Amino acid sequence: MRTIKVEPLTHEAFAPFGQYYDMEHPDGYPLSGELHRFFPDRVTAHEEHQVAFSPILVKKPAVMEITQAEYHTTTCEIILPLNGDMILHVAPPSAGKPLPAYTRAFLVPKHTLVKMNACVWHLAPLPADIPELCAMIVLPECTYMNDCTVVDFSEEDRFIIER
């Protein structure tokens, strides 16, 4: 079975899939007041529907074997790991057929907001170093019911993610 190594998250490496921003350590020019510094519009997402914020809890598997992927045709997906670092696997958009051979896995630090572009293949984030990851998923309401294509990989397309 093929193995994918987790790589550090960099803007250049992640650019084909979306963008990210470290919410815990903001940088750039802030709008400031006496008691606050506000860093506006660091990641943007244009959505025409009501947006929902949903928690996801993911237990760390003994082996990170990936057997499925999903994508959303009309929306980006935003994920924010809350209690620890996460591993996120992504593959480029394709016409309804996943591209597991082009999958990359990134180590996303805690409190780093990740926006995946529409049609980027992915699945649930995985805990990097903790028993169970708690993350926030941001999608238009009910996307998981009306714009979520999940594909099972064939045996030869499955892979394992290693650190």
N, C-alpha and C. Protein backbone atom coordinates (compact mmCIF):
# COMPACT_ATOMS: atom_id res chain seq x y z
N MET A 1 0.85 -1.18 0.00
CA MET A 1 0.00 0.00 0.00
C MET A 1 0.89 1.24 0.00
N ARG A 2 0.47 2.23 -0.74
CA ARG A 2 1.20 3.49 -0.86
C ARG A 2 1.16 4.26 0.45
N THR A 3 2.24 4.98 0.73
CA THR A 3 2.34 5.80 1.93
C THR A 3 2.55 7.25 1.55
N ILE A 4 1.84 8.14 2.24
CA ILE A 4 2.01 9.59 2.04
C ILE A 4 2.59 10.14 3.33
N LYS A 5 3.65 10.92 3.22
CA LYS A 5 4.27 11.55 4.38
C LYS A 5 3.60 12.91 4.63
N VAL A 6 3.36 13.19 5.90
CA VAL A 6 2.82 14.48 6.29
C VAL A 6 3.89 15.54 6.08
N GLU A 7 3.51 16.65 5.48
CA GLU A 7 4.45 17.74 5.23
C GLU A 7 4.02 18.98 5.99
N PRO A 8 4.97 19.87 6.24
CA PRO A 8 4.61 21.12 6.93
C PRO A 8 3.67 21.95 6.07
N LEU A 9 2.82 22.69 6.73
CA LEU A 9 1.89 23.58 6.04
C LEU A 9 2.62 24.87 5.67
N THR A 10 2.71 25.14 4.37
CA THR A 10 3.28 26.41 3.90
C THR A 10 2.31 27.00 2.89
N HIS A 11 2.36 28.31 2.74
CA HIS A 11 1.44 28.96 1.80
C HIS A 11 1.67 28.47 0.38
N GLU A 12 2.91 28.30 0.00
CA GLU A 12 3.22 27.84 -1.35
C GLU A 12 2.71 26.41 -1.60
N ALA A 13 2.94 25.52 -0.65
CA ALA A 13 2.52 24.13 -0.82
C ALA A 13 1.01 23.97 -0.81
N PHE A 14 0.32 24.78 0.00
CA PHE A 14 -1.13 24.63 0.13
C PHE A 14 -1.92 25.44 -0.89
N ALA A 15 -1.28 26.36 -1.59
CA ALA A 15 -1.97 27.27 -2.52
C ALA A 15 -2.87 26.57 -3.54
N PRO A 16 -2.50 25.41 -4.11
CA PRO A 16 -3.41 24.77 -5.07
C PRO A 16 -4.73 24.30 -4.46
N PHE A 17 -4.79 24.21 -3.13
CA PHE A 17 -5.97 23.66 -2.46
C PHE A 17 -6.79 24.71 -1.72
N GLY A 18 -6.18 25.86 -1.42
CA GLY A 18 -6.89 26.89 -0.68
C GLY A 18 -5.93 27.82 0.02
N GLN A 19 -6.33 28.28 1.20
CA GLN A 19 -5.49 29.18 1.97
C GLN A 19 -5.67 28.89 3.45
N TYR A 20 -4.79 29.47 4.27
CA TYR A 20 -4.90 29.28 5.71
C TYR A 20 -4.37 30.52 6.42
N TYR A 21 -4.69 30.58 7.73
CA TYR A 21 -4.23 31.71 8.54
C TYR A 21 -4.17 31.28 10.00
N ASP A 22 -3.08 31.61 10.68
CA ASP A 22 -2.89 31.29 12.09
C ASP A 22 -3.68 32.29 12.93
N MET A 23 -4.83 31.87 13.43
CA MET A 23 -5.71 32.77 14.18
C MET A 23 -5.17 33.10 15.57
N GLU A 24 -4.31 32.26 16.09
CA GLU A 24 -3.76 32.49 17.43
C GLU A 24 -2.60 33.48 17.42
N HIS A 25 -1.92 33.59 16.28
CA HIS A 25 -0.77 34.50 16.15
C HIS A 25 -0.94 35.37 14.91
N PRO A 26 -1.91 36.27 14.92
CA PRO A 26 -2.17 37.08 13.73
C PRO A 26 -1.01 38.02 13.41
N ASP A 27 -0.86 38.30 12.13
CA ASP A 27 0.17 39.24 11.72
C ASP A 27 -0.40 40.20 10.68
N GLY A 28 0.39 41.16 10.30
CA GLY A 28 -0.06 42.16 9.35
C GLY A 28 -0.58 43.38 10.08
N TYR A 29 -1.10 44.31 9.34
CA TYR A 29 -1.57 45.57 9.89
C TYR A 29 -2.94 45.40 10.54
N PRO A 30 -3.05 45.67 11.86
CA PRO A 30 -4.35 45.57 12.52
C PRO A 30 -5.06 46.92 12.59
N LEU A 31 -6.36 46.87 12.77
CA LEU A 31 -7.13 48.04 13.18
C LEU A 31 -7.09 48.00 14.70
N SER A 32 -6.63 49.05 15.33
CA SER A 32 -6.40 49.01 16.77
C SER A 32 -7.23 50.01 17.52
N GLY A 33 -7.58 49.63 18.72
CA GLY A 33 -8.23 50.51 19.67
C GLY A 33 -7.41 50.50 20.94
N GLU A 34 -7.95 51.10 21.97
CA GLU A 34 -7.21 51.17 23.23
C GLU A 34 -7.00 49.78 23.83
N LEU A 35 -7.98 48.89 23.69
CA LEU A 35 -7.90 47.57 24.32
C LEU A 35 -7.90 46.41 23.33
N HIS A 36 -7.82 46.68 22.06
CA HIS A 36 -7.90 45.58 21.11
C HIS A 36 -7.05 45.85 19.86
N ARG A 37 -6.73 44.77 19.19
CA ARG A 37 -6.14 44.82 17.85
C ARG A 37 -6.98 43.86 17.00
N PHE A 38 -7.59 44.36 15.96
CA PHE A 38 -8.48 43.58 15.09
C PHE A 38 -7.80 43.39 13.74
N PHE A 39 -7.73 42.16 13.28
CA PHE A 39 -7.06 41.82 12.02
C PHE A 39 -8.13 41.37 11.02
N PRO A 40 -8.72 42.29 10.28
CA PRO A 40 -9.87 41.96 9.44
C PRO A 40 -9.51 41.24 8.15
N ASP A 41 -10.44 40.41 7.71
CA ASP A 41 -10.45 39.83 6.36
C ASP A 41 -9.20 39.03 6.01
N ARG A 42 -8.68 38.25 6.95
CA ARG A 42 -7.47 37.47 6.68
C ARG A 42 -7.74 36.26 5.80
N VAL A 43 -8.92 35.68 5.90
CA VAL A 43 -9.38 34.60 5.00
C VAL A 43 -10.81 34.96 4.62
N THR A 44 -11.13 34.89 3.35
CA THR A 44 -12.48 35.22 2.92
C THR A 44 -13.11 34.03 2.20
N ALA A 45 -14.43 33.97 2.28
CA ALA A 45 -15.20 32.93 1.60
C ALA A 45 -16.53 33.53 1.19
N HIS A 46 -16.83 33.50 -0.09
CA HIS A 46 -18.10 34.04 -0.57
C HIS A 46 -19.12 32.90 -0.63
N GLU A 47 -20.17 33.03 0.15
CA GLU A 47 -21.23 32.03 0.18
C GLU A 47 -22.57 32.72 0.00
N GLU A 48 -23.46 32.10 -0.76
CA GLU A 48 -24.77 32.68 -1.01
C GLU A 48 -25.83 32.17 -0.04
N HIS A 49 -25.46 31.19 0.79
CA HIS A 49 -26.42 30.57 1.70
C HIS A 49 -26.03 30.84 3.15
N GLN A 50 -26.94 30.53 4.03
CA GLN A 50 -26.66 30.65 5.45
C GLN A 50 -25.50 29.71 5.81
N VAL A 51 -24.55 30.22 6.57
CA VAL A 51 -23.37 29.44 6.94
C VAL A 51 -23.60 28.80 8.30
N ALA A 52 -23.15 27.55 8.45
CA ALA A 52 -23.29 26.82 9.70
C ALA A 52 -21.91 26.48 10.27
N PHE A 53 -21.82 26.47 11.58
CA PHE A 53 -20.60 26.14 12.30
C PHE A 53 -20.85 24.84 13.04
N SER A 54 -20.10 23.80 12.69
CA SER A 54 -20.37 22.46 13.23
C SER A 54 -19.11 21.87 13.85
N PRO A 55 -19.21 21.36 15.08
CA PRO A 55 -18.04 20.68 15.65
C PRO A 55 -17.91 19.28 15.07
N ILE A 56 -16.67 18.81 14.97
CA ILE A 56 -16.40 17.43 14.59
C ILE A 56 -15.40 16.87 15.59
N LEU A 57 -15.65 15.66 16.06
CA LEU A 57 -14.76 14.94 16.96
C LEU A 57 -14.22 13.73 16.20
N VAL A 58 -12.90 13.61 16.12
CA VAL A 58 -12.28 12.52 15.37
C VAL A 58 -11.27 11.82 16.26
N LYS A 59 -11.48 10.52 16.49
CA LYS A 59 -10.53 9.74 17.28
C LYS A 59 -9.32 9.39 16.42
N LYS A 60 -8.16 9.34 17.05
CA LYS A 60 -6.93 9.01 16.34
C LYS A 60 -6.90 7.50 16.08
N PRO A 61 -6.83 7.10 14.81
CA PRO A 61 -6.78 5.68 14.50
C PRO A 61 -5.37 5.13 14.73
N ALA A 62 -5.27 3.84 14.94
CA ALA A 62 -3.96 3.20 15.12
C ALA A 62 -3.14 3.36 13.84
N VAL A 63 -3.80 3.23 12.69
CA VAL A 63 -3.17 3.42 11.38
C VAL A 63 -4.04 4.39 10.59
N MET A 64 -3.42 5.40 10.00
CA MET A 64 -4.17 6.38 9.22
C MET A 64 -4.33 5.90 7.78
N GLU A 65 -5.16 4.88 7.62
CA GLU A 65 -5.44 4.34 6.28
C GLU A 65 -6.62 5.10 5.70
N ILE A 66 -6.42 5.67 4.52
CA ILE A 66 -7.46 6.48 3.88
C ILE A 66 -8.13 5.64 2.80
N THR A 67 -9.44 5.45 2.96
CA THR A 67 -10.21 4.58 2.07
C THR A 67 -11.29 5.34 1.30
N GLN A 68 -11.45 6.64 1.61
CA GLN A 68 -12.49 7.46 0.97
C GLN A 68 -12.00 8.90 0.83
N ALA A 69 -12.71 9.63 -0.01
CA ALA A 69 -12.53 11.08 -0.10
C ALA A 69 -13.87 11.69 -0.49
N GLU A 70 -13.99 12.99 -0.23
CA GLU A 70 -15.21 13.71 -0.58
C GLU A 70 -14.85 15.06 -1.17
N TYR A 71 -15.84 15.66 -1.83
CA TYR A 71 -15.69 17.04 -2.30
C TYR A 71 -17.06 17.70 -2.35
N HIS A 72 -17.03 19.05 -2.43
CA HIS A 72 -18.25 19.86 -2.53
C HIS A 72 -18.11 20.71 -3.78
N THR A 73 -19.09 20.66 -4.66
CA THR A 73 -18.96 21.34 -5.96
C THR A 73 -19.22 22.84 -5.89
N THR A 74 -20.01 23.29 -4.93
CA THR A 74 -20.44 24.69 -4.95
C THR A 74 -19.89 25.55 -3.82
N THR A 75 -19.08 24.97 -2.95
CA THR A 75 -18.63 25.73 -1.80
C THR A 75 -17.24 25.33 -1.35
N CYS A 76 -16.58 26.26 -0.71
CA CYS A 76 -15.35 25.95 -0.01
C CYS A 76 -15.72 25.30 1.32
N GLU A 77 -14.74 24.72 2.00
CA GLU A 77 -14.94 24.20 3.35
C GLU A 77 -13.86 24.78 4.24
N ILE A 78 -14.25 25.20 5.42
CA ILE A 78 -13.32 25.79 6.38
C ILE A 78 -13.23 24.86 7.58
N ILE A 79 -12.00 24.62 8.03
CA ILE A 79 -11.77 23.78 9.21
C ILE A 79 -10.82 24.51 10.15
N LEU A 80 -11.14 24.48 11.45
CA LEU A 80 -10.31 25.10 12.47
C LEU A 80 -10.07 24.09 13.59
N PRO A 81 -8.84 23.57 13.71
CA PRO A 81 -8.55 22.65 14.82
C PRO A 81 -8.52 23.42 16.15
N LEU A 82 -9.28 22.93 17.14
CA LEU A 82 -9.44 23.67 18.39
C LEU A 82 -8.56 23.17 19.53
N ASN A 83 -8.34 21.87 19.63
CA ASN A 83 -7.66 21.36 20.82
C ASN A 83 -6.31 20.71 20.53
N GLY A 84 -5.85 20.77 19.30
CA GLY A 84 -4.55 20.19 18.96
C GLY A 84 -4.29 20.32 17.47
N ASP A 85 -3.10 19.92 17.06
CA ASP A 85 -2.76 19.93 15.64
C ASP A 85 -3.55 18.86 14.90
N MET A 86 -3.80 19.10 13.62
CA MET A 86 -4.52 18.10 12.81
C MET A 86 -3.74 17.78 11.55
N ILE A 87 -4.04 16.64 11.00
CA ILE A 87 -3.51 16.23 9.70
C ILE A 87 -4.66 16.29 8.72
N LEU A 88 -4.44 16.98 7.62
CA LEU A 88 -5.47 17.15 6.60
C LEU A 88 -4.93 16.65 5.27
N HIS A 89 -5.64 15.71 4.66
CA HIS A 89 -5.22 15.24 3.34
C HIS A 89 -6.13 15.86 2.28
N VAL A 90 -5.51 16.30 1.19
CA VAL A 90 -6.22 16.98 0.10
C VAL A 90 -5.67 16.52 -1.24
N ALA A 91 -6.54 16.57 -2.24
CA ALA A 91 -6.14 16.26 -3.61
C ALA A 91 -6.81 17.29 -4.52
N PRO A 92 -6.21 17.56 -5.68
CA PRO A 92 -6.74 18.60 -6.56
C PRO A 92 -8.14 18.26 -7.07
N PRO A 93 -8.90 19.30 -7.45
CA PRO A 93 -10.21 19.07 -8.04
C PRO A 93 -10.10 18.22 -9.31
N SER A 94 -11.13 17.44 -9.55
CA SER A 94 -11.21 16.64 -10.77
C SER A 94 -12.67 16.43 -11.09
N ALA A 95 -12.95 15.95 -12.26
CA ALA A 95 -14.33 15.82 -12.74
C ALA A 95 -15.03 14.61 -12.13
N GLY A 96 -15.31 14.68 -10.83
CA GLY A 96 -16.08 13.64 -10.17
C GLY A 96 -15.34 12.36 -9.85
N LYS A 97 -14.08 12.27 -10.26
CA LYS A 97 -13.30 11.07 -9.98
C LYS A 97 -12.08 11.49 -9.16
N PRO A 98 -11.90 10.89 -7.98
CA PRO A 98 -10.79 11.32 -7.13
C PRO A 98 -9.42 11.05 -7.76
N LEU A 99 -8.44 11.80 -7.28
CA LEU A 99 -7.07 11.66 -7.75
C LEU A 99 -6.16 11.26 -6.57
N PRO A 100 -6.35 10.05 -6.03
CA PRO A 100 -5.59 9.68 -4.83
C PRO A 100 -4.07 9.71 -5.04
N ALA A 101 -3.61 9.50 -6.25
CA ALA A 101 -2.16 9.53 -6.51
C ALA A 101 -1.58 10.93 -6.32
N TYR A 102 -2.43 11.96 -6.35
CA TYR A 102 -1.96 13.34 -6.19
C TYR A 102 -2.26 13.90 -4.79
N THR A 103 -2.66 13.03 -3.89
CA THR A 103 -3.00 13.47 -2.53
C THR A 103 -1.76 13.91 -1.78
N ARG A 104 -1.93 14.98 -1.01
CA ARG A 104 -0.88 15.47 -0.11
C ARG A 104 -1.49 15.58 1.28
N ALA A 105 -0.67 15.39 2.29
CA ALA A 105 -1.12 15.49 3.68
C ALA A 105 -0.32 16.59 4.37
N PHE A 106 -1.03 17.46 5.09
CA PHE A 106 -0.40 18.60 5.75
C PHE A 106 -0.64 18.55 7.25
N LEU A 107 0.37 18.98 8.00
CA LEU A 107 0.24 19.15 9.43
C LEU A 107 -0.25 20.58 9.68
N VAL A 108 -1.46 20.69 10.20
CA VAL A 108 -2.08 22.00 10.43
C VAL A 108 -2.03 22.29 11.93
N PRO A 109 -1.32 23.33 12.33
CA PRO A 109 -1.23 23.65 13.76
C PRO A 109 -2.58 24.05 14.36
N LYS A 110 -2.71 23.75 15.63
CA LYS A 110 -3.89 24.16 16.40
C LYS A 110 -4.17 25.65 16.18
N HIS A 111 -5.43 25.99 16.04
CA HIS A 111 -5.93 27.36 15.85
C HIS A 111 -5.56 27.96 14.49
N THR A 112 -5.18 27.12 13.54
CA THR A 112 -4.92 27.60 12.18
C THR A 112 -6.14 27.29 11.33
N LEU A 113 -6.80 28.34 10.85
CA LEU A 113 -7.99 28.19 10.04
C LEU A 113 -7.58 27.85 8.61
N VAL A 114 -8.14 26.77 8.09
CA VAL A 114 -7.84 26.31 6.73
C VAL A 114 -9.10 26.44 5.89
N LYS A 115 -8.97 27.06 4.73
CA LYS A 115 -10.08 27.12 3.77
C LYS A 115 -9.68 26.30 2.55
N MET A 116 -10.44 25.23 2.30
CA MET A 116 -10.23 24.43 1.08
C MET A 116 -11.16 24.95 -0.01
N ASN A 117 -10.65 25.12 -1.18
CA ASN A 117 -11.45 25.58 -2.31
C ASN A 117 -12.51 24.55 -2.68
N ALA A 118 -13.53 24.99 -3.37
CA ALA A 118 -14.56 24.08 -3.87
C ALA A 118 -13.90 23.01 -4.73
N CYS A 119 -14.43 21.82 -4.65
CA CYS A 119 -14.03 20.65 -5.45
C CYS A 119 -12.70 20.03 -5.04
N VAL A 120 -12.04 20.54 -4.00
CA VAL A 120 -10.83 19.89 -3.50
C VAL A 120 -11.23 18.63 -2.76
N TRP A 121 -10.60 17.51 -3.11
CA TRP A 121 -10.87 16.24 -2.46
C TRP A 121 -10.27 16.24 -1.06
N HIS A 122 -10.99 15.70 -0.08
CA HIS A 122 -10.53 15.65 1.30
C HIS A 122 -11.43 14.68 2.06
N LEU A 123 -11.20 14.54 3.33
CA LEU A 123 -12.13 13.85 4.22
C LEU A 123 -11.93 14.48 5.59
N ALA A 124 -12.40 13.86 6.61
CA ALA A 124 -12.30 14.43 7.95
C ALA A 124 -10.84 14.65 8.34
N PRO A 125 -10.57 15.72 9.10
CA PRO A 125 -9.22 15.92 9.61
C PRO A 125 -8.89 14.83 10.62
N LEU A 126 -7.61 14.56 10.80
CA LEU A 126 -7.16 13.53 11.72
C LEU A 126 -6.33 14.15 12.84
N PRO A 127 -6.43 13.62 14.05
CA PRO A 127 -5.61 14.14 15.14
C PRO A 127 -4.14 13.81 14.89
N ALA A 128 -3.27 14.80 15.13
CA ALA A 128 -1.84 14.56 14.93
C ALA A 128 -1.21 13.91 16.15
N ASP A 129 -1.45 14.48 17.33
CA ASP A 129 -0.75 14.03 18.54
C ASP A 129 -1.64 13.85 19.75
N ILE A 130 -2.93 13.90 19.56
CA ILE A 130 -3.85 13.76 20.69
C ILE A 130 -4.83 12.62 20.40
N PRO A 131 -5.44 12.04 21.43
CA PRO A 131 -6.34 10.90 21.21
C PRO A 131 -7.60 11.24 20.41
N GLU A 132 -8.13 12.47 20.59
CA GLU A 132 -9.33 12.87 19.85
C GLU A 132 -9.25 14.35 19.51
N LEU A 133 -9.40 14.65 18.23
CA LEU A 133 -9.38 16.02 17.74
C LEU A 133 -10.78 16.62 17.81
N CYS A 134 -10.86 17.84 18.27
CA CYS A 134 -12.09 18.63 18.19
C CYS A 134 -11.80 19.77 17.22
N ALA A 135 -12.57 19.86 16.17
CA ALA A 135 -12.38 20.92 15.17
C ALA A 135 -13.74 21.52 14.83
N MET A 136 -13.69 22.73 14.30
CA MET A 136 -14.90 23.39 13.83
C MET A 136 -14.91 23.31 12.30
N ILE A 137 -16.04 22.88 11.76
CA ILE A 137 -16.25 22.83 10.31
C ILE A 137 -17.22 23.97 9.96
N VAL A 138 -16.88 24.75 8.95
CA VAL A 138 -17.74 25.84 8.50
C VAL A 138 -18.12 25.56 7.05
N LEU A 139 -19.42 25.39 6.84
CA LEU A 139 -19.99 25.11 5.51
C LEU A 139 -21.35 25.79 5.42
N PRO A 140 -21.83 26.04 4.21
CA PRO A 140 -23.22 26.46 4.10
C PRO A 140 -24.13 25.38 4.73
N GLU A 141 -25.19 25.82 5.33
CA GLU A 141 -26.11 24.92 6.01
C GLU A 141 -26.52 23.75 5.11
N CYS A 142 -26.47 22.56 5.67
CA CYS A 142 -26.90 21.30 5.02
C CYS A 142 -26.05 20.88 3.81
N THR A 143 -24.85 21.40 3.68
CA THR A 143 -23.98 20.99 2.57
C THR A 143 -23.77 19.47 2.57
N TYR A 144 -23.63 18.89 3.74
CA TYR A 144 -23.40 17.45 3.87
C TYR A 144 -24.59 16.64 3.32
N MET A 145 -25.75 17.29 3.13
CA MET A 145 -26.92 16.59 2.58
C MET A 145 -27.13 16.85 1.09
N ASN A 146 -26.69 18.04 0.60
CA ASN A 146 -27.04 18.37 -0.78
C ASN A 146 -25.86 18.70 -1.69
N ASP A 147 -24.65 18.71 -1.17
CA ASP A 147 -23.48 18.97 -2.03
C ASP A 147 -22.25 18.29 -1.44
N CYS A 148 -22.35 17.00 -1.26
CA CYS A 148 -21.23 16.23 -0.70
C CYS A 148 -21.16 14.90 -1.43
N THR A 149 -20.14 14.76 -2.25
CA THR A 149 -19.92 13.50 -2.96
C THR A 149 -18.80 12.75 -2.27
N VAL A 150 -19.11 11.56 -1.75
CA VAL A 150 -18.14 10.71 -1.09
C VAL A 150 -17.86 9.52 -2.00
N VAL A 151 -16.58 9.23 -2.21
CA VAL A 151 -16.18 8.14 -3.09
C VAL A 151 -15.31 7.16 -2.31
N ASP A 152 -15.65 5.88 -2.39
CA ASP A 152 -14.80 4.83 -1.81
C ASP A 152 -13.66 4.53 -2.76
N PHE A 153 -12.45 4.45 -2.23
CA PHE A 153 -11.29 4.12 -3.05
C PHE A 153 -11.24 2.62 -3.32
N SER A 154 -10.73 2.27 -4.49
CA SER A 154 -10.45 0.86 -4.76
C SER A 154 -9.26 0.44 -3.89
N GLU A 155 -9.04 -0.83 -3.76
CA GLU A 155 -7.92 -1.32 -2.94
C GLU A 155 -6.60 -0.71 -3.37
N GLU A 156 -6.37 -0.59 -4.67
CA GLU A 156 -5.08 -0.06 -5.15
C GLU A 156 -4.93 1.44 -4.96
N ASP A 157 -6.05 2.16 -4.75
CA ASP A 157 -5.98 3.61 -4.55
C ASP A 157 -5.90 4.01 -3.07
N ARG A 158 -6.12 3.07 -2.17
CA ARG A 158 -6.03 3.39 -0.74
C ARG A 158 -4.59 3.71 -0.37
N PHE A 159 -4.44 4.51 0.69
CA PHE A 159 -3.08 4.85 1.12
C PHE A 159 -3.04 5.06 2.62
N ILE A 160 -1.83 5.09 3.14
CA ILE A 160 -1.60 5.32 4.57
C ILE A 160 -0.84 6.64 4.72
N ILE A 161 -1.27 7.42 5.71
CA ILE A 161 -0.58 8.67 6.03
C ILE A 161 0.34 8.40 7.21
N GLU A 162 1.60 8.81 7.05
CA GLU A 162 2.59 8.66 8.12
C GLU A 162 3.24 9.99 8.42
N ARG A 163 3.67 10.17 9.66
CA ARG A 163 4.36 11.39 10.08
C ARG A 163 5.81 11.33 9.76
